[in-house]
Amino acid sequence: MILKELPSAEQIGDARLEAMVSITMRLASHQHFLGGPFSFNLRDLLRWVYLFEKNKDMSTCFEILFVNRMRRREDRQKLRDLYEELFGEPCVAAPVVLSADQNELHIGKVCLRRHNNATNGGHPAQRLLSTQYVLMHQLAVCVDMQWLSLIIGPRNCGKRSTLENLADICGVQLHTIILNAETDAQELIGSYEQVIDDSAIVEAKGTLCDLLSNCVEQSAIKQIIAAGDITELETVTELALAEVKENVTVVEHCREVLACAARSAMRFEWRDSTFVKAFVEGYWLLIEDVNLCSAAVLDRLNSCLESEGRLVISERQSSFEPLEPHPNFR
């Protein structure tokens, strides 16, 4: 019923809509696939319809959304056979052709805009192999449709390099974060870090020199000026104050200046994580080893990566207003 209410339902036709539902139900009940169990549900059907609206090729959409999830050649062939059984036509994906001009990248039936004012995020230029075209096309579809993509494969099979090549061609910054079993949700969002404010130290040096210029030797003044941090400044100032301990007013004033400088010079400030910066500023983000992270981290990711998802950083003081994702964030 839901599918028949969609704008493209009439173009697809009742027979093919029924076949789409049947194949999804068959796959949901058949879980003898390497890497399973897989979840096949209404979301997959809706994505199939949305992708068909752009692609106009039912079997290519099935390849991208269903067949390419399989990790074994035999499993992929089982899905193609099931498609042929229910749709009465072979499941054949069109060959992937790539072309690019100054403004756009065309790969298969996907068209992505190229951003000429961006860098490749520091990734070295790599040779694009023809064997990477299929994976690059699948990633381009996910970028175009604003879907998450889960890239799975053995080490050194070209997962990262294919994505880096796509980002480089599109002229977008690709940032990477690496997760592990110890990563917690707050690390993913950001943290408070100690910040040293040099201006507070410089101001304190000037005040101390003014207070002590007529009371101590010039060598002591030079040591105060040369102090590199608040700890060193406190040390050399206390040595200088030993010479003027009879002048209680100057000693107390100097120590007040040091205490104020220490409070101002060393404080904690919130630093957004790479994830938050990419989310807000519109970069592409590669999350490595996501299979190792905890359920709490995945929940935090899912809440803001879903369609129309937003990010609330409750850990940051006075920041309960949800952050909207940048339109270019992927």
Protein backbone atom coordinates (compact mmCIF):
# COMPACT_ATOMS: atom_id res chain seq x y z
CA MET A 1 0.00 0.00 0.00
CA ILE A 2 2.81 2.41 0.89
CA LEU A 3 4.63 1.83 -2.39
CA LYS A 4 1.48 2.39 -4.43
CA GLU A 5 1.10 5.86 -2.90
CA LEU A 6 4.50 6.99 -4.23
CA PRO A 7 4.59 9.29 -7.30
CA SER A 8 6.51 6.80 -9.42
CA ALA A 9 4.30 3.80 -8.57
CA GLU A 10 2.27 4.14 -11.77
CA GLN A 11 5.44 4.24 -13.87
CA ILE A 12 6.79 1.11 -12.19
CA GLY A 13 3.50 -0.79 -12.48
CA ASP A 14 1.63 -3.08 -10.10
CA ALA A 15 3.30 -6.26 -11.37
CA ARG A 16 6.81 -5.00 -10.73
CA LEU A 17 5.81 -3.50 -7.36
CA GLU A 18 4.52 -6.93 -6.31
CA ALA A 19 7.74 -8.53 -7.53
CA MET A 20 9.77 -5.99 -5.52
CA VAL A 21 7.84 -6.84 -2.36
CA SER A 22 8.10 -10.59 -3.02
CA ILE A 23 11.85 -10.52 -3.56
CA THR A 24 12.38 -8.50 -0.38
CA MET A 25 10.26 -10.91 1.66
CA ARG A 26 12.09 -13.91 0.20
CA LEU A 27 15.46 -12.38 1.05
CA ALA A 28 14.32 -11.43 4.56
CA SER A 29 13.42 -15.06 5.27
CA HIS A 30 16.57 -16.49 3.66
CA GLN A 31 19.60 -15.71 5.81
CA HIS A 32 22.16 -18.24 4.58
CA PHE A 33 24.50 -15.58 3.23
CA LEU A 34 28.09 -14.95 4.21
CA GLY A 35 28.21 -11.97 6.56
CA GLY A 36 24.55 -12.30 7.51
CA PRO A 37 22.04 -11.91 8.94
CA PHE A 38 21.09 -9.04 6.65
CA SER A 39 18.09 -6.81 7.18
CA PHE A 40 15.82 -6.47 4.14
CA ASN A 41 12.76 -4.34 4.84
CA LEU A 42 10.58 -1.42 3.76
CA ARG A 43 13.55 0.96 3.75
CA ASP A 44 15.17 -1.08 0.98
CA LEU A 45 11.96 -1.02 -1.04
CA LEU A 46 11.64 2.76 -0.68
CA ARG A 47 15.26 3.25 -1.68
CA TRP A 48 14.70 0.99 -4.67
CA VAL A 49 11.81 3.20 -5.78
CA TYR A 50 13.72 6.45 -5.16
CA LEU A 51 16.75 5.16 -7.06
CA PHE A 52 14.55 3.96 -9.93
CA GLU A 53 13.15 7.49 -10.24
CA LYS A 54 16.66 8.66 -11.12
CA ASN A 55 18.11 5.58 -12.80
CA LYS A 56 15.08 4.17 -14.69
CA ASP A 57 16.75 0.73 -14.71
CA MET A 58 15.19 -1.78 -12.32
CA SER A 59 17.96 -4.39 -12.48
CA THR A 60 20.78 -1.86 -11.99
CA CYS A 61 18.98 -0.56 -8.90
CA PHE A 62 18.66 -4.12 -7.61
CA GLU A 63 22.39 -4.69 -8.20
CA ILE A 64 23.34 -1.59 -6.24
CA LEU A 65 20.95 -2.04 -3.31
CA PHE A 66 20.82 -5.81 -2.88
CA VAL A 67 23.39 -7.76 -4.90
CA ASN A 68 26.34 -5.62 -3.87
CA ARG A 69 25.67 -6.30 -0.20
CA MET A 70 26.68 -9.90 -0.71
CA ARG A 71 30.31 -10.81 0.00
CA ARG A 72 30.49 -14.03 -1.99
CA ARG A 73 30.13 -14.59 -5.72
CA GLU A 74 27.73 -17.51 -5.18
CA ASP A 75 25.45 -15.37 -2.99
CA ARG A 76 25.40 -12.59 -5.56
CA GLN A 77 24.41 -15.08 -8.24
CA LYS A 78 21.60 -16.43 -6.03
CA LEU A 79 20.13 -12.94 -5.83
CA ARG A 80 20.39 -12.46 -9.60
CA ASP A 81 18.65 -15.80 -10.17
CA LEU A 82 15.89 -14.80 -7.76
CA TYR A 83 15.44 -11.51 -9.59
CA GLU A 84 15.14 -13.31 -12.93
CA GLU A 85 12.61 -15.74 -11.44
CA LEU A 86 10.33 -12.99 -10.10
CA PHE A 87 10.79 -10.30 -12.74
CA GLY A 88 11.04 -12.55 -15.79
CA GLU A 89 14.16 -10.76 -17.05
CA PRO A 90 17.89 -11.22 -16.40
CA CYS A 91 19.57 -9.04 -13.81
CA VAL A 92 22.28 -7.35 -15.83
CA ALA A 93 23.99 -4.18 -14.65
CA ALA A 94 25.06 -1.77 -17.36
CA PRO A 95 28.82 -1.27 -17.77
CA VAL A 96 30.18 1.69 -15.81
CA VAL A 97 31.51 4.53 -17.94
CA LEU A 98 33.32 7.46 -16.33
CA SER A 99 33.79 10.93 -17.77
CA ALA A 100 34.47 14.33 -16.26
CA ASP A 101 34.62 17.94 -17.34
CA GLN A 102 35.48 21.05 -15.39
CA ASN A 103 32.14 21.19 -13.58
CA GLU A 104 30.73 17.66 -13.36
CA LEU A 105 31.67 14.02 -12.92
CA HIS A 106 29.55 11.49 -14.81
CA ILE A 107 29.86 7.86 -13.72
CA GLY A 108 27.18 5.48 -14.92
CA LYS A 109 23.95 7.47 -14.71
CA VAL A 110 25.16 9.49 -11.72
CA CYS A 111 26.20 13.12 -12.09
CA LEU A 112 28.16 14.76 -9.26
CA ARG A 113 29.21 18.39 -9.12
CA ARG A 114 32.93 19.11 -8.97
CA HIS A 115 34.19 21.67 -6.44
CA ASN A 116 37.21 23.29 -8.01
CA ASN A 117 38.04 25.39 -4.96
CA ALA A 118 38.70 22.47 -2.61
CA THR A 119 41.74 20.31 -1.98
CA ASN A 120 41.88 16.56 -1.63
CA GLY A 121 42.45 16.79 2.11
CA GLY A 122 46.13 15.95 1.89
CA HIS A 123 45.71 12.58 0.19
CA PRO A 124 48.34 11.91 -2.47
CA ALA A 125 47.16 11.61 -6.05
CA GLN A 126 46.58 7.95 -7.01
CA ARG A 127 46.06 6.15 -10.26
CA LEU A 128 42.44 5.22 -10.87
CA LEU A 129 42.15 1.59 -11.99
CA SER A 130 39.39 0.34 -14.25
CA THR A 131 38.68 -2.39 -11.68
CA GLN A 132 37.62 0.36 -9.25
CA TYR A 133 34.91 1.76 -11.51
CA VAL A 134 32.13 -0.45 -10.12
CA LEU A 135 32.88 0.42 -6.48
CA MET A 136 33.30 4.08 -7.37
CA HIS A 137 29.92 4.01 -9.12
CA GLN A 138 28.28 2.48 -6.05
CA LEU A 139 29.85 5.14 -3.82
CA ALA A 140 28.79 7.88 -6.23
CA VAL A 141 25.20 6.64 -6.02
CA CYS A 142 25.35 6.86 -2.21
CA VAL A 143 26.82 10.36 -2.41
CA ASP A 144 24.16 11.47 -4.88
CA MET A 145 21.30 9.97 -2.84
CA GLN A 146 22.79 11.10 0.51
CA TRP A 147 22.96 7.54 1.83
CA LEU A 148 25.46 6.01 4.20
CA SER A 149 27.77 3.50 2.57
CA LEU A 150 29.38 0.58 4.37
CA ILE A 151 32.56 -0.50 2.58
CA ILE A 152 33.64 -4.04 3.40
CA GLY A 153 36.58 -6.04 2.11
CA PRO A 154 40.01 -7.49 2.96
CA ARG A 155 43.03 -5.31 3.57
CA ASN A 156 44.67 -3.65 0.56
CA CYS A 157 41.75 -4.33 -1.81
CA GLY A 158 41.30 -0.66 -2.73
CA LYS A 159 38.48 0.48 -0.42
CA ARG A 160 40.15 3.66 0.79
CA SER A 161 41.92 4.51 -2.46
CA THR A 162 38.66 4.31 -4.44
CA LEU A 163 36.95 6.71 -2.05
CA GLU A 164 39.98 9.04 -2.07
CA ASN A 165 39.95 9.05 -5.86
CA LEU A 166 36.24 9.91 -5.93
CA ALA A 167 36.75 12.73 -3.42
CA ASP A 168 39.75 14.01 -5.36
CA ILE A 169 37.86 14.05 -8.68
CA CYS A 170 34.91 15.83 -7.03
CA GLY A 171 37.28 18.30 -5.35
CA VAL A 172 35.99 17.75 -1.81
CA GLN A 173 37.89 17.32 1.43
CA LEU A 174 37.87 13.77 2.78
CA HIS A 175 38.63 13.43 6.49
CA THR A 176 39.23 10.19 8.36
CA ILE A 177 38.58 9.08 11.92
CA ILE A 178 39.56 5.68 13.28
CA LEU A 179 37.39 3.98 15.89
CA ASN A 180 38.16 1.12 18.24
CA ALA A 181 36.53 -0.76 21.09
CA GLU A 182 37.71 1.89 23.58
CA THR A 183 36.20 4.85 21.72
CA ASP A 184 33.33 6.43 23.64
CA ALA A 185 30.55 8.66 22.37
CA GLN A 186 32.09 11.84 23.79
CA GLU A 187 35.38 11.25 21.93
CA LEU A 188 33.38 11.09 18.73
CA ILE A 189 31.86 14.52 19.41
CA GLY A 190 34.75 16.43 20.98
CA SER A 191 36.31 17.24 24.34
CA TYR A 192 37.52 19.97 26.62
CA GLU A 193 41.21 20.70 26.17
CA GLN A 194 43.59 22.83 28.19
CA VAL A 195 44.36 26.10 26.45
CA ILE A 196 47.23 28.46 27.26
CA ASP A 197 46.45 32.13 26.65
CA ASP A 198 49.79 33.81 25.93
CA SER A 199 48.23 37.26 25.99
CA ALA A 200 47.49 36.89 29.73
CA ILE A 201 51.16 36.06 30.38
CA VAL A 202 52.39 39.00 28.30
CA GLU A 203 50.07 41.36 30.16
CA ALA A 204 51.23 39.99 33.52
CA LYS A 205 54.88 40.46 32.56
CA GLY A 206 54.26 44.13 31.77
CA THR A 207 52.49 44.75 35.07
CA LEU A 208 55.20 42.95 37.09
CA CYS A 209 57.97 44.89 35.37
CA ASP A 210 56.20 48.16 36.19
CA LEU A 211 55.81 47.18 39.85
CA LEU A 212 59.37 45.94 40.31
CA SER A 213 61.36 48.24 38.02
CA ASN A 214 62.42 50.53 40.90
CA CYS A 215 62.81 47.75 43.46
CA VAL A 216 65.00 44.99 41.94
CA GLU A 217 68.08 44.59 39.76
CA GLN A 218 67.73 44.89 35.99
CA SER A 219 68.78 41.23 35.63
CA ALA A 220 65.64 40.17 37.53
CA ILE A 221 63.48 42.26 35.19
CA LYS A 222 65.10 40.56 32.18
CA GLN A 223 64.34 37.13 33.68
CA ILE A 224 60.68 38.08 34.08
CA ILE A 225 60.51 39.26 30.46
CA ALA A 226 62.22 36.05 29.23
CA ALA A 227 59.90 33.66 31.12
CA GLY A 228 58.34 31.20 28.65
CA ASP A 229 55.26 30.06 30.59
CA ILE A 230 53.27 30.81 33.72
CA THR A 231 55.27 28.35 35.85
CA GLU A 232 58.60 29.92 34.92
CA LEU A 233 57.13 33.40 35.41
CA GLU A 234 56.01 32.48 38.93
CA THR A 235 59.46 31.11 39.76
CA VAL A 236 61.51 34.10 38.59
CA THR A 237 59.04 36.55 40.14
CA GLU A 238 59.26 34.86 43.54
CA LEU A 239 63.06 35.10 43.35
CA ALA A 240 62.73 38.80 42.61
CA LEU A 241 60.25 39.30 45.45
CA ALA A 242 62.76 37.86 47.90
CA GLU A 243 64.73 41.08 47.39
CA VAL A 244 61.76 43.31 48.30
CA LYS A 245 60.03 41.24 50.98
CA GLU A 246 59.96 44.29 53.26
CA ASN A 247 57.66 46.05 50.78
CA VAL A 248 54.51 44.11 51.63
CA THR A 249 52.28 46.12 49.29
CA VAL A 250 54.43 45.35 46.22
CA VAL A 251 54.74 41.67 47.16
CA GLU A 252 50.98 41.23 47.59
CA HIS A 253 50.21 43.11 44.38
CA CYS A 254 52.70 41.00 42.39
CA ARG A 255 51.23 37.77 43.75
CA GLU A 256 47.73 38.93 42.83
CA VAL A 257 48.96 39.60 39.29
CA LEU A 258 50.48 36.10 39.13
CA ALA A 259 47.30 34.46 40.46
CA CYS A 260 45.15 36.32 37.93
CA ALA A 261 47.51 35.39 35.09
CA ALA A 262 47.47 31.72 36.14
CA ARG A 263 43.67 31.66 36.06
CA SER A 264 43.51 33.37 32.67
CA ALA A 265 46.47 31.65 31.03
CA MET A 266 45.41 28.05 31.75
CA ARG A 267 41.79 27.22 31.07
CA PHE A 268 39.73 24.55 29.34
CA GLU A 269 37.96 25.15 26.05
CA TRP A 270 35.67 22.88 24.04
CA ARG A 271 37.22 21.47 20.85
CA ASP A 272 34.92 19.98 18.23
CA SER A 273 35.97 16.60 16.86
CA THR A 274 36.77 15.84 13.23
CA PHE A 275 33.29 14.35 12.95
CA VAL A 276 31.54 17.54 14.12
CA LYS A 277 33.69 19.74 11.87
CA ALA A 278 32.85 17.57 8.85
CA PHE A 279 29.16 17.52 9.82
CA VAL A 280 28.93 21.31 10.09
CA GLU A 281 31.41 22.43 7.41
CA GLY A 282 30.41 19.96 4.68
CA TYR A 283 33.36 17.57 4.32
CA TRP A 284 33.22 13.89 3.44
CA LEU A 285 34.03 11.59 6.34
CA LEU A 286 35.56 8.11 6.27
CA ILE A 287 35.07 6.24 9.55
CA GLU A 288 37.50 3.33 9.76
CA ASP A 289 36.96 0.16 11.83
CA VAL A 290 33.39 1.14 12.64
CA ASN A 291 32.65 -2.53 13.32
CA LEU A 292 34.85 -2.36 16.43
CA CYS A 293 33.07 0.50 18.20
CA SER A 294 30.49 0.17 20.95
CA ALA A 295 26.72 0.27 20.56
CA ALA A 296 26.62 3.66 22.33
CA VAL A 297 28.85 5.17 19.65
CA LEU A 298 26.74 3.66 16.87
CA ASP A 299 23.57 5.05 18.46
CA ARG A 300 25.14 8.52 18.60
CA LEU A 301 26.14 8.22 14.95
CA ASN A 302 22.78 6.93 13.76
CA SER A 303 20.82 9.68 15.50
CA CYS A 304 22.44 12.39 13.37
CA LEU A 305 23.15 10.47 10.16
CA GLU A 306 19.57 9.45 9.45
CA SER A 307 17.53 11.45 6.96
CA GLU A 308 16.95 14.94 8.39
CA GLY A 309 19.02 13.95 11.42
CA ARG A 310 20.52 16.64 13.63
CA LEU A 311 23.32 16.68 16.17
CA VAL A 312 22.96 17.89 19.76
CA ILE A 313 26.23 18.34 21.69
CA SER A 314 24.96 18.25 25.26
CA GLU A 315 28.53 17.89 26.57
CA ARG A 316 29.34 21.44 25.48
CA GLN A 317 28.10 24.11 27.87
CA SER A 318 25.14 26.21 26.69
CA SER A 319 24.88 24.17 23.48
CA PHE A 320 21.54 22.39 23.41
CA GLU A 321 20.51 23.83 20.06
CA PRO A 322 20.61 21.05 17.41
CA LEU A 323 23.25 21.41 14.69
CA GLU A 324 22.04 20.99 11.11
CA PRO A 325 24.24 18.98 8.73
CA HIS A 326 25.88 20.90 5.91
CA PRO A 327 24.27 20.05 2.53
CA ASN A 328 27.62 18.70 1.26
CA PHE A 329 28.33 16.49 4.28
CA ARG A 330 28.62 12.81 3.42
